[in-house]
Amino acid sequence: MKTIRTLLLCLLFVAAVFISSANVHLVDLVYLPGIGVESTWSPRSVAVPLFVVVLGSLIVGALLGGAGALFEQARLRLGLRQARKAAAKATTESEELRTGAAKAADEISRLARELELSRARKEPPPPIAQAATTDES
C-alpha cells in the first residue's frame, strides 16, 4: 500500500512539473483590488507565472483541507473521550447496583431463614420494627 502511494505521489509530481513548464507566461495577480465604483484606490497587482498561481492555489487548498480534517479529528476525539467517561460511569453504577442487589438478596434469604425457624418453633414472627434494615441511603 505504501509503495502504491509513493508511486502515485511521484506521478503527481511529474505531472505538476510538466504543467508548470507549459504554463510559464506571466499573469497579473491582484492582491488589493479597487473597492467600490468610484474608488480612489488603484488596484495593486504583481506579475507572476501562471503555474505559481495554480500550484499556490492547490497548496492553499491542501492546507485548508488538512486544517479541517484536524478540527474534525479533534471533535471526534473529544466525543470519544466523553463516551468512554460515560461508559466507565455506567459500569461503576451497574457494579454498585449488582452489589446492592446481592446484599439485598442475602438479607432476604436471612430473613426467610429466621421466619422458617420461628415457624418451626411455632413462635410469632419478630415484629417488623425490630428487623434490621439495609437501606443505605
N, C-alpha and C. Protein backbone atom coordinates (compact mmCIF):
# COMPACT_ATOMS: atom_id res chain seq x y z
N MET A 1 0.83 -1.20 0.00
CA MET A 1 0.00 0.00 0.00
C MET A 1 0.87 1.26 0.00
N LYS A 2 1.98 1.18 0.77
CA LYS A 2 2.85 2.34 0.85
C LYS A 2 3.55 2.60 -0.49
N THR A 3 3.90 1.53 -1.20
CA THR A 3 4.57 1.71 -2.50
C THR A 3 3.61 2.31 -3.53
N ILE A 4 2.36 1.90 -3.48
CA ILE A 4 1.37 2.46 -4.41
C ILE A 4 1.20 3.96 -4.14
N ARG A 5 1.18 4.32 -2.87
CA ARG A 5 1.03 5.73 -2.50
C ARG A 5 2.24 6.53 -2.98
N THR A 6 3.44 5.95 -2.80
CA THR A 6 4.66 6.63 -3.24
C THR A 6 4.67 6.79 -4.75
N LEU A 7 4.28 5.76 -5.48
CA LEU A 7 4.22 5.86 -6.94
C LEU A 7 3.21 6.91 -7.39
N LEU A 8 2.08 6.95 -6.73
CA LEU A 8 1.06 7.94 -7.08
C LEU A 8 1.57 9.36 -6.83
N LEU A 9 2.26 9.56 -5.72
CA LEU A 9 2.82 10.89 -5.43
C LEU A 9 3.89 11.27 -6.45
N CYS A 10 4.71 10.30 -6.87
CA CYS A 10 5.73 10.57 -7.89
C CYS A 10 5.07 10.97 -9.21
N LEU A 11 4.00 10.26 -9.59
CA LEU A 11 3.29 10.60 -10.82
C LEU A 11 2.69 12.00 -10.74
N LEU A 12 2.13 12.34 -9.60
CA LEU A 12 1.57 13.68 -9.43
C LEU A 12 2.66 14.74 -9.51
N PHE A 13 3.82 14.46 -8.97
CA PHE A 13 4.93 15.41 -9.02
C PHE A 13 5.38 15.62 -10.46
N VAL A 14 5.51 14.54 -11.21
CA VAL A 14 5.92 14.64 -12.61
C VAL A 14 4.88 15.42 -13.41
N ALA A 15 3.59 15.15 -13.15
CA ALA A 15 2.53 15.89 -13.84
C ALA A 15 2.60 17.37 -13.49
N ALA A 16 2.89 17.70 -12.24
CA ALA A 16 2.99 19.10 -11.83
C ALA A 16 4.17 19.78 -12.52
N VAL A 17 5.27 19.06 -12.70
CA VAL A 17 6.43 19.63 -13.38
C VAL A 17 6.09 19.92 -14.85
N PHE A 18 5.41 18.97 -15.52
CA PHE A 18 5.04 19.20 -16.92
C PHE A 18 4.06 20.36 -17.06
N ILE A 19 3.08 20.43 -16.17
CA ILE A 19 2.12 21.53 -16.23
C ILE A 19 2.83 22.86 -15.96
N SER A 20 3.74 22.87 -15.02
CA SER A 20 4.47 24.10 -14.69
C SER A 20 5.32 24.56 -15.85
N SER A 21 5.98 23.63 -16.52
CA SER A 21 6.85 24.03 -17.63
C SER A 21 6.04 24.52 -18.84
N ALA A 22 4.79 24.08 -18.96
CA ALA A 22 3.95 24.51 -20.08
C ALA A 22 3.27 25.85 -19.81
N ASN A 23 3.17 26.27 -18.56
CA ASN A 23 2.44 27.49 -18.21
C ASN A 23 3.37 28.49 -17.52
N VAL A 24 4.30 29.03 -18.28
CA VAL A 24 5.26 29.96 -17.69
C VAL A 24 4.96 31.42 -18.04
N HIS A 25 3.93 31.68 -18.84
CA HIS A 25 3.65 33.07 -19.18
C HIS A 25 3.11 33.82 -17.96
N LEU A 26 3.36 35.12 -17.94
CA LEU A 26 3.03 35.93 -16.77
C LEU A 26 1.56 36.34 -16.77
N VAL A 27 0.99 36.36 -15.58
CA VAL A 27 -0.37 36.86 -15.38
C VAL A 27 -0.32 37.86 -14.24
N ASP A 28 -1.28 38.79 -14.22
CA ASP A 28 -1.36 39.76 -13.13
C ASP A 28 -2.19 39.18 -12.00
N LEU A 29 -1.60 39.12 -10.82
CA LEU A 29 -2.29 38.66 -9.61
C LEU A 29 -2.62 39.90 -8.78
N VAL A 30 -3.92 40.23 -8.70
CA VAL A 30 -4.36 41.43 -7.99
C VAL A 30 -4.55 41.05 -6.52
N TYR A 31 -3.77 41.68 -5.65
CA TYR A 31 -3.87 41.39 -4.22
C TYR A 31 -4.55 42.49 -3.43
N LEU A 32 -4.77 43.65 -4.02
CA LEU A 32 -5.51 44.74 -3.36
C LEU A 32 -6.37 45.40 -4.42
N PRO A 33 -7.58 44.88 -4.65
CA PRO A 33 -8.42 45.44 -5.72
C PRO A 33 -9.00 46.79 -5.31
N GLY A 34 -9.39 47.59 -6.30
CA GLY A 34 -10.09 48.84 -6.03
C GLY A 34 -11.48 48.51 -5.49
N ILE A 35 -11.89 49.21 -4.44
CA ILE A 35 -13.17 48.91 -3.79
C ILE A 35 -14.18 49.96 -4.22
N GLY A 36 -15.36 49.52 -4.63
CA GLY A 36 -16.43 50.44 -4.99
C GLY A 36 -16.32 50.91 -6.43
N VAL A 37 -17.36 51.59 -6.89
CA VAL A 37 -17.41 52.05 -8.27
C VAL A 37 -16.51 53.27 -8.46
N GLU A 38 -16.57 54.20 -7.54
CA GLU A 38 -15.77 55.43 -7.65
C GLU A 38 -14.66 55.43 -6.61
N SER A 39 -13.89 54.38 -6.61
CA SER A 39 -12.83 54.25 -5.63
C SER A 39 -11.63 55.10 -6.01
N THR A 40 -10.99 55.70 -5.03
CA THR A 40 -9.78 56.46 -5.29
C THR A 40 -8.54 55.58 -5.19
N TRP A 41 -8.70 54.35 -4.73
CA TRP A 41 -7.59 53.42 -4.64
C TRP A 41 -7.32 52.83 -6.02
N SER A 42 -6.08 52.71 -6.33
CA SER A 42 -5.74 51.99 -7.56
C SER A 42 -5.45 50.54 -7.18
N PRO A 43 -5.90 49.61 -8.00
CA PRO A 43 -5.67 48.21 -7.65
C PRO A 43 -4.17 47.89 -7.65
N ARG A 44 -3.77 47.08 -6.70
CA ARG A 44 -2.38 46.66 -6.59
C ARG A 44 -2.27 45.25 -7.15
N SER A 45 -1.24 44.99 -7.95
CA SER A 45 -1.07 43.66 -8.54
C SER A 45 0.41 43.37 -8.71
N VAL A 46 0.67 42.11 -8.96
CA VAL A 46 2.02 41.65 -9.20
C VAL A 46 1.97 40.66 -10.36
N ALA A 47 2.99 40.66 -11.21
CA ALA A 47 3.04 39.74 -12.33
C ALA A 47 3.77 38.47 -11.90
N VAL A 48 3.08 37.34 -11.97
CA VAL A 48 3.66 36.04 -11.58
C VAL A 48 3.37 35.03 -12.68
N PRO A 49 4.18 33.98 -12.79
CA PRO A 49 3.87 32.93 -13.76
C PRO A 49 2.58 32.21 -13.39
N LEU A 50 1.88 31.72 -14.40
CA LEU A 50 0.60 31.06 -14.16
C LEU A 50 0.73 29.82 -13.30
N PHE A 51 1.82 29.07 -13.46
CA PHE A 51 1.95 27.84 -12.67
C PHE A 51 2.08 28.15 -11.18
N VAL A 52 2.63 29.32 -10.83
CA VAL A 52 2.71 29.71 -9.41
C VAL A 52 1.32 29.91 -8.84
N VAL A 53 0.44 30.53 -9.62
CA VAL A 53 -0.94 30.75 -9.17
C VAL A 53 -1.65 29.41 -8.99
N VAL A 54 -1.50 28.51 -9.97
CA VAL A 54 -2.19 27.22 -9.91
C VAL A 54 -1.66 26.38 -8.76
N LEU A 55 -0.33 26.23 -8.68
CA LEU A 55 0.24 25.41 -7.61
C LEU A 55 0.01 26.04 -6.23
N GLY A 56 0.07 27.36 -6.15
CA GLY A 56 -0.23 28.03 -4.89
C GLY A 56 -1.66 27.78 -4.44
N SER A 57 -2.58 27.80 -5.40
CA SER A 57 -3.98 27.52 -5.07
C SER A 57 -4.14 26.09 -4.57
N LEU A 58 -3.44 25.15 -5.21
CA LEU A 58 -3.50 23.75 -4.76
C LEU A 58 -2.93 23.59 -3.35
N ILE A 59 -1.83 24.27 -3.09
CA ILE A 59 -1.21 24.17 -1.76
C ILE A 59 -2.12 24.78 -0.69
N VAL A 60 -2.69 25.95 -0.98
CA VAL A 60 -3.61 26.57 -0.01
C VAL A 60 -4.82 25.68 0.23
N GLY A 61 -5.36 25.07 -0.83
CA GLY A 61 -6.49 24.16 -0.68
C GLY A 61 -6.14 22.94 0.16
N ALA A 62 -4.93 22.39 -0.06
CA ALA A 62 -4.49 21.24 0.74
C ALA A 62 -4.33 21.62 2.21
N LEU A 63 -3.79 22.80 2.47
CA LEU A 63 -3.63 23.26 3.86
C LEU A 63 -4.98 23.47 4.53
N LEU A 64 -5.92 24.08 3.82
CA LEU A 64 -7.25 24.29 4.40
C LEU A 64 -7.96 22.96 4.65
N GLY A 65 -7.83 22.02 3.69
CA GLY A 65 -8.42 20.70 3.89
C GLY A 65 -7.81 19.96 5.06
N GLY A 66 -6.48 20.06 5.21
CA GLY A 66 -5.81 19.42 6.35
C GLY A 66 -6.23 20.03 7.67
N ALA A 67 -6.38 21.35 7.70
CA ALA A 67 -6.83 22.01 8.93
C ALA A 67 -8.25 21.58 9.28
N GLY A 68 -9.11 21.47 8.27
CA GLY A 68 -10.48 21.00 8.52
C GLY A 68 -10.49 19.58 9.03
N ALA A 69 -9.62 18.73 8.48
CA ALA A 69 -9.54 17.34 8.95
C ALA A 69 -9.05 17.28 10.39
N LEU A 70 -8.08 18.14 10.74
CA LEU A 70 -7.58 18.16 12.12
C LEU A 70 -8.68 18.59 13.09
N PHE A 71 -9.45 19.62 12.72
CA PHE A 71 -10.53 20.06 13.60
C PHE A 71 -11.59 18.97 13.75
N GLU A 72 -11.90 18.27 12.68
CA GLU A 72 -12.88 17.19 12.74
C GLU A 72 -12.37 16.05 13.62
N GLN A 73 -11.08 15.74 13.48
CA GLN A 73 -10.49 14.67 14.30
C GLN A 73 -10.51 15.07 15.77
N ALA A 74 -10.23 16.32 16.07
CA ALA A 74 -10.26 16.78 17.46
C ALA A 74 -11.67 16.68 18.02
N ARG A 75 -12.68 17.03 17.21
CA ARG A 75 -14.07 16.93 17.67
C ARG A 75 -14.44 15.48 17.94
N LEU A 76 -14.02 14.58 17.06
CA LEU A 76 -14.34 13.17 17.25
C LEU A 76 -13.62 12.58 18.46
N ARG A 77 -12.37 13.00 18.68
CA ARG A 77 -11.64 12.51 19.86
C ARG A 77 -12.29 13.00 21.15
N LEU A 78 -12.77 14.23 21.15
CA LEU A 78 -13.47 14.74 22.33
C LEU A 78 -14.74 13.93 22.59
N GLY A 79 -15.49 13.65 21.53
CA GLY A 79 -16.69 12.83 21.68
C GLY A 79 -16.38 11.43 22.17
N LEU A 80 -15.28 10.84 21.68
CA LEU A 80 -14.87 9.51 22.13
C LEU A 80 -14.48 9.54 23.60
N ARG A 81 -13.76 10.57 24.01
CA ARG A 81 -13.37 10.68 25.42
C ARG A 81 -14.60 10.81 26.32
N GLN A 82 -15.58 11.60 25.89
CA GLN A 82 -16.80 11.75 26.68
C GLN A 82 -17.59 10.44 26.74
N ALA A 83 -17.62 9.71 25.63
CA ALA A 83 -18.33 8.44 25.61
C ALA A 83 -17.65 7.42 26.51
N ARG A 84 -16.33 7.42 26.53
CA ARG A 84 -15.60 6.49 27.42
C ARG A 84 -15.85 6.82 28.88
N LYS A 85 -15.88 8.11 29.21
CA LYS A 85 -16.18 8.50 30.60
C LYS A 85 -17.59 8.06 30.99
N ALA A 86 -18.55 8.24 30.09
CA ALA A 86 -19.93 7.84 30.37
C ALA A 86 -20.02 6.32 30.52
N ALA A 87 -19.29 5.58 29.69
CA ALA A 87 -19.30 4.12 29.79
C ALA A 87 -18.68 3.66 31.11
N ALA A 88 -17.59 4.30 31.52
CA ALA A 88 -16.97 3.94 32.80
C ALA A 88 -17.90 4.25 33.96
N LYS A 89 -18.58 5.37 33.89
CA LYS A 89 -19.53 5.74 34.95
C LYS A 89 -20.69 4.74 35.00
N ALA A 90 -21.20 4.35 33.83
CA ALA A 90 -22.29 3.38 33.79
C ALA A 90 -21.85 2.02 34.32
N THR A 91 -20.62 1.63 34.01
CA THR A 91 -20.09 0.36 34.52
C THR A 91 -19.98 0.39 36.03
N THR A 92 -19.48 1.50 36.57
CA THR A 92 -19.35 1.64 38.02
C THR A 92 -20.72 1.58 38.68
N GLU A 93 -21.69 2.29 38.11
CA GLU A 93 -23.04 2.29 38.68
C GLU A 93 -23.67 0.90 38.62
N SER A 94 -23.46 0.20 37.53
CA SER A 94 -24.05 -1.14 37.42
C SER A 94 -23.41 -2.10 38.43
N GLU A 95 -22.10 -1.96 38.66
CA GLU A 95 -21.45 -2.81 39.67
C GLU A 95 -21.98 -2.49 41.07
N GLU A 96 -22.19 -1.20 41.35
CA GLU A 96 -22.76 -0.82 42.64
C GLU A 96 -24.16 -1.39 42.80
N LEU A 97 -24.95 -1.33 41.73
CA LEU A 97 -26.31 -1.89 41.81
C LEU A 97 -26.28 -3.41 41.99
N ARG A 98 -25.33 -4.09 41.33
CA ARG A 98 -25.22 -5.54 41.49
C ARG A 98 -24.86 -5.91 42.92
N THR A 99 -23.89 -5.18 43.50
CA THR A 99 -23.51 -5.49 44.88
C THR A 99 -24.66 -5.17 45.83
N GLY A 100 -25.38 -4.08 45.56
CA GLY A 100 -26.54 -3.76 46.40
C GLY A 100 -27.63 -4.82 46.28
N ALA A 101 -27.85 -5.33 45.07
CA ALA A 101 -28.85 -6.37 44.87
C ALA A 101 -28.42 -7.66 45.55
N ALA A 102 -27.11 -7.96 45.51
CA ALA A 102 -26.61 -9.16 46.18
C ALA A 102 -26.79 -9.04 47.69
N LYS A 103 -26.52 -7.86 48.25
CA LYS A 103 -26.71 -7.65 49.69
C LYS A 103 -28.18 -7.78 50.05
N ALA A 104 -29.04 -7.20 49.21
CA ALA A 104 -30.48 -7.31 49.48
C ALA A 104 -30.94 -8.76 49.39
N ALA A 105 -30.42 -9.53 48.44
CA ALA A 105 -30.79 -10.95 48.33
C ALA A 105 -30.30 -11.72 49.55
N ASP A 106 -29.10 -11.42 50.05
CA ASP A 106 -28.59 -12.07 51.26
C ASP A 106 -29.48 -11.74 52.46
N GLU A 107 -29.90 -10.49 52.57
CA GLU A 107 -30.77 -10.08 53.68
C GLU A 107 -32.13 -10.77 53.59
N ILE A 108 -32.66 -10.88 52.37
CA ILE A 108 -33.95 -11.56 52.19
C ILE A 108 -33.84 -13.02 52.57
N SER A 109 -32.76 -13.68 52.14
CA SER A 109 -32.60 -15.09 52.49
C SER A 109 -32.40 -15.27 54.00
N ARG A 110 -31.68 -14.35 54.66
CA ARG A 110 -31.51 -14.43 56.11
C ARG A 110 -32.85 -14.26 56.82
N LEU A 111 -33.63 -13.28 56.36
CA LEU A 111 -34.94 -13.08 56.98
C LEU A 111 -35.87 -14.26 56.72
N ALA A 112 -35.76 -14.86 55.55
CA ALA A 112 -36.59 -16.04 55.25
C ALA A 112 -36.20 -17.21 56.14
N ARG A 113 -34.91 -17.39 56.41
CA ARG A 113 -34.47 -18.47 57.32
C ARG A 113 -34.99 -18.23 58.73
N GLU A 114 -34.89 -16.95 59.16
CA GLU A 114 -35.41 -16.64 60.50
C GLU A 114 -36.90 -16.91 60.58
N LEU A 115 -37.63 -16.59 59.55
CA LEU A 115 -39.07 -16.83 59.52
C LEU A 115 -39.36 -18.33 59.56
N GLU A 116 -38.62 -19.10 58.80
CA GLU A 116 -38.80 -20.55 58.81
C GLU A 116 -38.47 -21.13 60.17
N LEU A 117 -37.41 -20.63 60.81
CA LEU A 117 -37.05 -21.12 62.15
C LEU A 117 -38.14 -20.78 63.17
N SER A 118 -38.68 -19.56 63.07
CA SER A 118 -39.72 -19.17 64.01
C SER A 118 -41.00 -19.96 63.76
N ARG A 119 -41.30 -20.31 62.50
CA ARG A 119 -42.46 -21.15 62.21
C ARG A 119 -42.24 -22.58 62.70
N ALA A 120 -41.01 -23.04 62.59
CA ALA A 120 -40.71 -24.40 63.05
C ALA A 120 -40.82 -24.48 64.57
N ARG A 121 -40.46 -23.43 65.29
CA ARG A 121 -40.59 -23.42 66.75
C ARG A 121 -41.97 -22.95 67.19
N LYS A 122 -42.78 -22.58 66.22
CA LYS A 122 -44.14 -22.10 66.45
C LYS A 122 -44.15 -20.85 67.33
N GLU A 123 -43.22 -19.98 67.05
CA GLU A 123 -43.15 -18.70 67.73
C GLU A 123 -43.75 -17.65 66.80
N PRO A 124 -44.24 -16.55 67.33
CA PRO A 124 -44.72 -15.49 66.46
C PRO A 124 -43.51 -14.85 65.75
N PRO A 125 -43.70 -14.42 64.53
CA PRO A 125 -42.58 -13.79 63.83
C PRO A 125 -42.14 -12.51 64.52
N PRO A 126 -40.90 -12.16 64.37
CA PRO A 126 -40.43 -10.92 65.02
C PRO A 126 -41.14 -9.73 64.41
N PRO A 127 -41.39 -8.70 65.23
CA PRO A 127 -42.04 -7.51 64.69
C PRO A 127 -41.16 -6.86 63.62
N ILE A 128 -41.82 -6.17 62.70
CA ILE A 128 -41.12 -5.55 61.58
C ILE A 128 -40.18 -4.46 62.06
N ALA A 129 -40.55 -3.76 63.11
CA ALA A 129 -39.73 -2.66 63.60
C ALA A 129 -38.39 -3.17 64.11
N GLN A 130 -38.32 -4.43 64.57
CA GLN A 130 -37.06 -4.97 65.10
C GLN A 130 -36.19 -5.57 64.00
N ALA A 131 -36.74 -5.81 62.84
CA ALA A 131 -35.95 -6.40 61.74
C ALA A 131 -34.92 -5.38 61.28
N ALA A 132 -33.73 -5.86 60.99
CA ALA A 132 -32.65 -4.97 60.52
C ALA A 132 -32.95 -4.52 59.10
N THR A 133 -32.73 -3.25 58.90
CA THR A 133 -32.95 -2.72 57.53
C THR A 133 -31.60 -2.53 56.88
N THR A 134 -31.59 -2.67 55.55
CA THR A 134 -30.33 -2.50 54.80
C THR A 134 -30.37 -1.26 53.92
N ASP A 135 -31.29 -0.35 54.19
CA ASP A 135 -31.38 0.85 53.37
C ASP A 135 -30.17 1.73 53.66
N GLU A 136 -29.30 1.88 52.65
CA GLU A 136 -28.06 2.63 52.84
C GLU A 136 -28.18 4.08 52.39
N SER A 137 -29.34 4.58 52.03
CA SER A 137 -29.44 5.95 51.56
C SER A 137 -29.49 6.94 52.67
